[in-house]
N, C-alpha and C. Protein backbone atom coordinates (compact mmCIF):
# COMPACT_ATOMS: atom_id res chain seq x y z
N MET A 1 29.74 24.12 77.71
CA MET A 1 28.63 25.10 77.23
C MET A 1 27.99 24.22 76.04
N SER A 2 26.62 24.21 75.97
CA SER A 2 26.02 23.71 74.70
C SER A 2 25.93 24.57 73.57
N SER A 3 25.75 24.15 72.16
CA SER A 3 25.55 24.83 71.24
C SER A 3 24.44 26.06 71.32
N ALA A 4 23.38 25.59 72.09
CA ALA A 4 22.16 26.23 72.28
C ALA A 4 22.66 27.45 73.04
N THR A 5 23.37 27.08 73.83
CA THR A 5 23.63 28.41 74.94
C THR A 5 24.37 29.25 74.31
N ILE A 6 25.31 28.91 73.48
CA ILE A 6 26.35 29.72 72.94
C ILE A 6 25.26 30.78 71.82
N GLU A 7 24.52 29.96 70.87
CA GLU A 7 23.75 30.55 70.18
C GLU A 7 22.88 31.58 70.63
N ALA A 8 22.30 31.51 71.95
CA ALA A 8 21.39 32.33 72.50
C ALA A 8 21.96 33.71 72.64
N GLY A 9 23.28 33.70 72.96
CA GLY A 9 24.02 35.12 73.19
C GLY A 9 24.60 35.76 71.84
N LEU A 10 24.38 35.10 70.75
CA LEU A 10 24.80 35.67 69.41
C LEU A 10 23.90 36.74 68.84
N SER A 11 24.36 37.54 68.29
CA SER A 11 23.82 38.57 67.45
C SER A 11 23.13 37.95 66.38
N THR A 12 22.04 38.57 65.63
CA THR A 12 21.52 38.10 64.59
C THR A 12 22.40 37.69 63.50
N ASP A 13 23.14 38.58 63.10
CA ASP A 13 24.34 38.36 62.07
C ASP A 13 25.29 37.32 62.31
N ALA A 14 25.77 36.89 63.47
CA ALA A 14 26.79 36.03 64.03
C ALA A 14 25.73 34.72 63.98
N LEU A 15 24.37 34.79 64.38
CA LEU A 15 23.79 33.57 64.34
C LEU A 15 23.50 33.08 62.95
N GLY A 16 23.35 33.98 62.04
CA GLY A 16 23.44 33.36 60.58
C GLY A 16 24.57 32.83 60.00
N VAL A 17 25.73 33.70 60.58
CA VAL A 17 26.78 32.81 60.01
C VAL A 17 27.37 31.67 60.44
N HIS A 18 26.88 31.37 61.77
CA HIS A 18 27.08 30.25 62.61
C HIS A 18 26.26 29.06 62.01
N ARG A 19 24.78 29.54 61.64
CA ARG A 19 24.17 28.37 60.92
C ARG A 19 24.60 28.06 59.87
N ALA A 20 25.05 28.97 58.80
CA ALA A 20 25.56 28.95 57.61
C ALA A 20 27.04 27.75 57.57
N LEU A 21 27.85 28.26 58.42
CA LEU A 21 28.82 27.48 58.60
C LEU A 21 28.75 26.11 59.17
N ALA A 22 27.64 25.85 59.96
CA ALA A 22 27.28 24.45 60.43
C ALA A 22 26.82 23.60 59.26
N SER A 23 25.82 24.38 58.70
CA SER A 23 25.38 23.64 57.45
C SER A 23 26.35 23.39 56.47
N LEU A 24 27.38 24.38 56.26
CA LEU A 24 28.48 23.92 55.25
C LEU A 24 29.22 22.80 55.60
N GLN A 25 29.49 22.59 56.80
CA GLN A 25 30.28 21.38 57.50
C GLN A 25 29.37 20.10 57.26
N GLU A 26 27.94 20.47 57.53
CA GLU A 26 27.22 19.07 57.20
C GLU A 26 27.00 18.64 55.77
N GLU A 27 27.14 19.83 54.87
CA GLU A 27 27.03 19.35 53.67
C GLU A 27 28.46 18.73 53.08
N LEU A 28 29.60 19.15 53.64
CA LEU A 28 30.93 18.59 53.15
C LEU A 28 30.91 17.06 53.74
N GLU A 29 30.40 16.89 54.97
CA GLU A 29 30.63 15.66 55.37
C GLU A 29 29.66 14.55 54.74
N ALA A 30 28.36 15.27 53.93
CA ALA A 30 27.74 14.45 53.25
C ALA A 30 28.30 14.04 52.01
N ILE A 31 29.11 15.13 51.40
CA ILE A 31 29.88 14.93 49.99
C ILE A 31 30.57 13.90 50.29
N ASP A 32 31.67 13.51 51.61
CA ASP A 32 32.34 12.64 51.72
C ASP A 32 31.66 11.44 51.79
N TYR A 33 30.62 11.32 52.60
CA TYR A 33 29.96 10.15 52.75
C TYR A 33 29.29 9.42 51.44
N TYR A 34 28.82 10.11 50.62
CA TYR A 34 28.25 9.67 49.33
C TYR A 34 29.65 9.29 48.44
N HIS A 35 30.60 10.09 48.55
CA HIS A 35 31.78 9.52 47.92
C HIS A 35 32.36 8.35 48.21
N GLN A 36 32.73 8.33 49.44
CA GLN A 36 33.17 7.16 49.80
C GLN A 36 32.24 5.75 49.57
N ARG A 37 30.93 6.03 49.76
CA ARG A 37 30.01 4.94 49.44
C ARG A 37 30.01 4.43 48.05
N ALA A 38 30.18 5.63 47.10
CA ALA A 38 29.95 5.22 45.65
C ALA A 38 31.26 4.53 45.16
N ASP A 39 32.46 4.96 45.84
CA ASP A 39 33.91 4.39 45.57
C ASP A 39 33.73 2.94 45.93
N VAL A 40 32.99 2.40 46.89
CA VAL A 40 33.23 1.08 47.42
C VAL A 40 32.01 0.23 46.88
N SER A 41 31.19 0.68 46.03
CA SER A 41 29.84 -0.08 45.73
C SER A 41 30.15 -0.89 44.59
N ASP A 42 29.71 -2.15 44.62
CA ASP A 42 29.77 -3.25 43.61
C ASP A 42 28.76 -3.01 42.34
N ASP A 43 27.86 -2.13 42.79
CA ASP A 43 26.59 -2.10 41.89
C ASP A 43 26.58 -0.77 41.16
N PRO A 44 26.78 -0.80 39.71
CA PRO A 44 26.86 0.54 38.97
C PRO A 44 25.88 1.38 39.20
N GLU A 45 24.70 0.98 39.20
CA GLU A 45 23.62 1.79 39.28
C GLU A 45 23.52 2.48 40.59
N LEU A 46 23.79 1.64 41.76
CA LEU A 46 23.77 2.41 42.94
C LEU A 46 24.86 3.26 43.05
N SER A 47 26.07 3.12 42.40
CA SER A 47 27.24 4.18 42.71
C SER A 47 26.72 5.40 41.84
N ALA A 48 25.94 5.23 40.68
CA ALA A 48 25.68 6.46 39.92
C ALA A 48 24.57 7.15 40.78
N ILE A 49 23.92 6.44 41.31
CA ILE A 49 22.79 7.45 42.49
C ILE A 49 23.53 8.13 43.46
N LEU A 50 24.54 7.48 43.84
CA LEU A 50 25.34 8.03 45.40
C LEU A 50 26.13 9.20 44.81
N LEU A 51 26.44 9.17 43.33
CA LEU A 51 27.28 10.26 42.82
C LEU A 51 26.42 11.30 42.43
N HIS A 52 25.34 10.81 42.21
CA HIS A 52 24.30 12.18 42.10
C HIS A 52 23.84 12.79 43.17
N ASN A 53 23.70 12.01 44.34
CA ASN A 53 23.47 12.65 45.62
C ASN A 53 24.75 13.48 46.09
N ARG A 54 25.76 13.05 45.73
CA ARG A 54 27.00 13.59 46.19
C ARG A 54 27.19 15.16 45.42
N ASN A 55 26.86 15.14 44.31
CA ASN A 55 26.72 16.43 43.26
C ASN A 55 25.86 17.30 43.89
N ASP A 56 24.57 17.05 44.23
CA ASP A 56 23.43 17.62 44.87
C ASP A 56 23.93 18.30 46.11
N GLU A 57 24.64 17.42 46.99
CA GLU A 57 25.21 17.97 48.14
C GLU A 57 26.36 19.10 47.87
N MET A 58 27.16 18.84 46.78
CA MET A 58 28.14 19.92 46.29
C MET A 58 27.38 21.35 45.91
N GLU A 59 26.04 21.26 45.39
CA GLU A 59 25.24 22.24 44.94
C GLU A 59 25.19 23.22 46.38
N HIS A 60 24.55 22.41 47.17
CA HIS A 60 24.09 22.81 48.51
C HIS A 60 25.34 23.59 49.20
N ALA A 61 26.61 22.74 49.24
CA ALA A 61 27.72 23.41 49.75
C ALA A 61 28.12 24.82 49.07
N ALA A 62 27.98 24.70 47.72
CA ALA A 62 28.26 25.94 46.84
C ALA A 62 27.54 27.11 47.25
N MET A 63 26.20 26.88 47.52
CA MET A 63 25.24 27.89 47.78
C MET A 63 25.58 28.47 49.05
N LEU A 64 25.85 27.82 49.98
CA LEU A 64 26.17 28.29 51.42
C LEU A 64 27.52 29.12 51.30
N LEU A 65 28.53 28.49 50.50
CA LEU A 65 29.72 29.25 50.45
C LEU A 65 29.49 30.60 49.66
N GLU A 66 28.51 30.76 48.86
CA GLU A 66 28.19 31.92 48.17
C GLU A 66 27.77 32.81 49.19
N TRP A 67 26.83 32.33 49.96
CA TRP A 67 26.21 33.30 50.97
C TRP A 67 27.32 33.78 52.06
N LEU A 68 28.08 32.88 52.37
CA LEU A 68 29.34 33.39 53.28
C LEU A 68 29.91 34.33 52.67
N ARG A 69 30.41 34.12 51.35
CA ARG A 69 31.18 35.07 50.69
C ARG A 69 30.45 36.44 50.67
N ARG A 70 29.13 36.55 50.44
CA ARG A 70 28.52 37.87 50.27
C ARG A 70 28.36 38.43 51.61
N THR A 71 28.41 37.65 52.52
CA THR A 71 28.08 38.18 54.06
C THR A 71 29.25 38.66 54.76
N LEU A 72 30.59 38.02 54.53
CA LEU A 72 31.98 38.15 55.20
C LEU A 72 32.55 38.89 54.39
N PRO A 73 32.87 39.92 54.25
CA PRO A 73 33.67 40.68 53.33
C PRO A 73 35.33 39.98 53.39
N PRO A 74 35.83 39.71 54.44
CA PRO A 74 37.26 39.27 54.44
C PRO A 74 37.34 37.74 53.96
N PHE A 75 36.22 36.91 53.87
CA PHE A 75 36.18 35.65 53.38
C PHE A 75 36.09 36.01 51.97
N ASP A 76 35.30 36.88 51.35
CA ASP A 76 35.30 37.21 49.97
C ASP A 76 36.73 37.45 49.51
N LEU A 77 37.44 38.34 50.17
CA LEU A 77 38.86 38.64 49.75
C LEU A 77 39.69 37.39 49.76
N GLN A 78 39.70 36.23 50.55
CA GLN A 78 40.36 35.25 50.47
C GLN A 78 40.01 34.32 49.39
N LEU A 79 38.61 34.32 49.15
CA LEU A 79 38.17 33.33 48.05
C LEU A 79 38.49 33.94 46.71
N ARG A 80 38.65 35.45 46.47
CA ARG A 80 39.02 35.95 45.37
C ARG A 80 40.51 35.97 45.18
N LYS A 81 41.28 35.76 45.83
CA LYS A 81 42.65 35.67 45.81
C LYS A 81 43.04 34.35 45.64
N LEU A 82 42.25 33.27 45.88
CA LEU A 82 42.63 31.88 45.92
C LEU A 82 41.80 30.97 45.01
N LEU A 83 40.70 31.14 44.72
CA LEU A 83 39.74 30.47 43.92
C LEU A 83 40.12 30.61 42.44
N PHE A 84 39.99 29.58 41.61
CA PHE A 84 40.17 29.40 40.28
C PHE A 84 41.42 30.35 39.84
N SER A 85 42.64 29.96 40.85
CA SER A 85 43.82 30.43 40.58
C SER A 85 44.81 29.47 39.89
N VAL A 86 45.97 29.81 39.55
CA VAL A 86 46.92 28.90 39.02
C VAL A 86 48.18 29.17 39.78
N GLY A 87 48.98 28.30 39.65
CA GLY A 87 50.23 28.39 40.51
C GLY A 87 50.22 27.66 41.87
N ASP A 88 51.40 27.90 42.79
CA ASP A 88 51.40 27.36 43.93
C ASP A 88 50.41 28.00 45.07
N ILE A 89 49.59 27.10 45.49
CA ILE A 89 48.48 27.67 46.64
C ILE A 89 49.22 28.61 47.58
N PRO A 90 50.18 27.69 48.62
CA PRO A 90 50.69 28.26 49.58
C PRO A 90 51.35 29.84 49.49
N ALA A 91 51.77 29.83 48.17
CA ALA A 91 52.68 31.10 47.77
C ALA A 91 51.64 31.98 47.45
N LEU A 92 50.43 31.74 46.75
CA LEU A 92 49.37 32.69 46.53
C LEU A 92 48.72 33.22 47.75
N ALA A 93 48.77 32.28 48.79
CA ALA A 93 48.13 32.85 50.04
C ALA A 93 48.95 33.77 50.72
N LYS A 94 50.12 33.78 50.50
CA LYS A 94 51.26 34.52 51.08
C LYS A 94 51.21 36.02 50.71
N THR A 95 50.63 36.18 49.27
CA THR A 95 50.65 37.44 48.52
C THR A 95 49.84 38.15 49.48
N GLY A 96 49.91 39.50 48.86
CA GLY A 96 49.01 40.58 49.54
C GLY A 96 47.50 40.58 49.14
N ALA A 97 47.12 41.59 48.52
CA ALA A 97 45.72 41.93 48.28
C ALA A 97 45.30 40.99 46.87
N PRO A 98 43.98 40.63 46.64
CA PRO A 98 43.79 39.54 45.58
C PRO A 98 43.79 40.54 44.48
N PRO A 99 43.86 40.17 43.30
CA PRO A 99 43.72 40.79 42.11
C PRO A 99 42.31 41.67 41.88
N ALA A 100 42.40 42.82 41.35
CA ALA A 100 41.41 43.38 41.12
C ALA A 100 40.20 42.55 40.36
N PRO A 101 38.84 42.45 40.70
CA PRO A 101 37.94 41.79 39.98
C PRO A 101 37.95 42.24 38.42
N ALA A 102 37.72 41.15 37.54
CA ALA A 102 37.67 41.40 36.20
C ALA A 102 36.50 42.34 35.80
N GLY A 103 36.46 42.95 34.77
CA GLY A 103 35.23 43.78 34.22
C GLY A 103 34.31 42.80 33.89
N LEU A 104 33.07 43.42 33.68
CA LEU A 104 31.68 42.77 33.11
C LEU A 104 31.80 42.47 31.58
N GLY A 105 32.91 42.45 31.45
CA GLY A 105 32.98 42.05 29.71
C GLY A 105 32.49 40.73 29.37
N LEU A 106 32.80 40.38 28.17
CA LEU A 106 32.43 39.03 27.72
C LEU A 106 33.68 37.78 28.08
N GLY A 107 34.82 38.22 28.77
CA GLY A 107 35.69 37.17 29.09
C GLY A 107 36.56 37.06 27.76
N LEU A 108 36.54 37.80 26.82
CA LEU A 108 37.56 37.41 25.69
C LEU A 108 38.78 38.01 25.50
N GLY A 109 39.17 38.74 26.44
CA GLY A 109 40.56 39.13 26.80
C GLY A 109 40.67 40.09 25.76
N ASN A 110 42.10 40.55 25.48
CA ASN A 110 42.35 41.54 24.37
C ASN A 110 42.19 41.22 23.18
N LEU A 111 41.27 41.98 22.41
CA LEU A 111 40.77 41.67 21.14
C LEU A 111 41.75 42.32 20.07
N LYS A 112 42.76 43.19 20.41
CA LYS A 112 43.61 43.86 19.67
C LYS A 112 44.64 42.99 18.83
């Protein structure tokens, strides 16, 4: 069954998620390609351009990831549990609910 056939039967919401996930995959592949090419280049200027392009692809991937986080609440929960964490990642994945989101303060911690 072709991708077009599958897409034809999807709801509008599912089609949006599909498009975002497919685009995220493409952005991650582009990051990998640019990273590899920069790594093997003997020309420092070309390497710098390739790394710049890689970083642009990272921005695109991050934008898609944020859209997916906002659109899929279970994905949001997993990202809140694991991203920017410390400690053993598999152990964190086995824990229950993610920690409560921090308040909207200045991030200064306890000032007492």
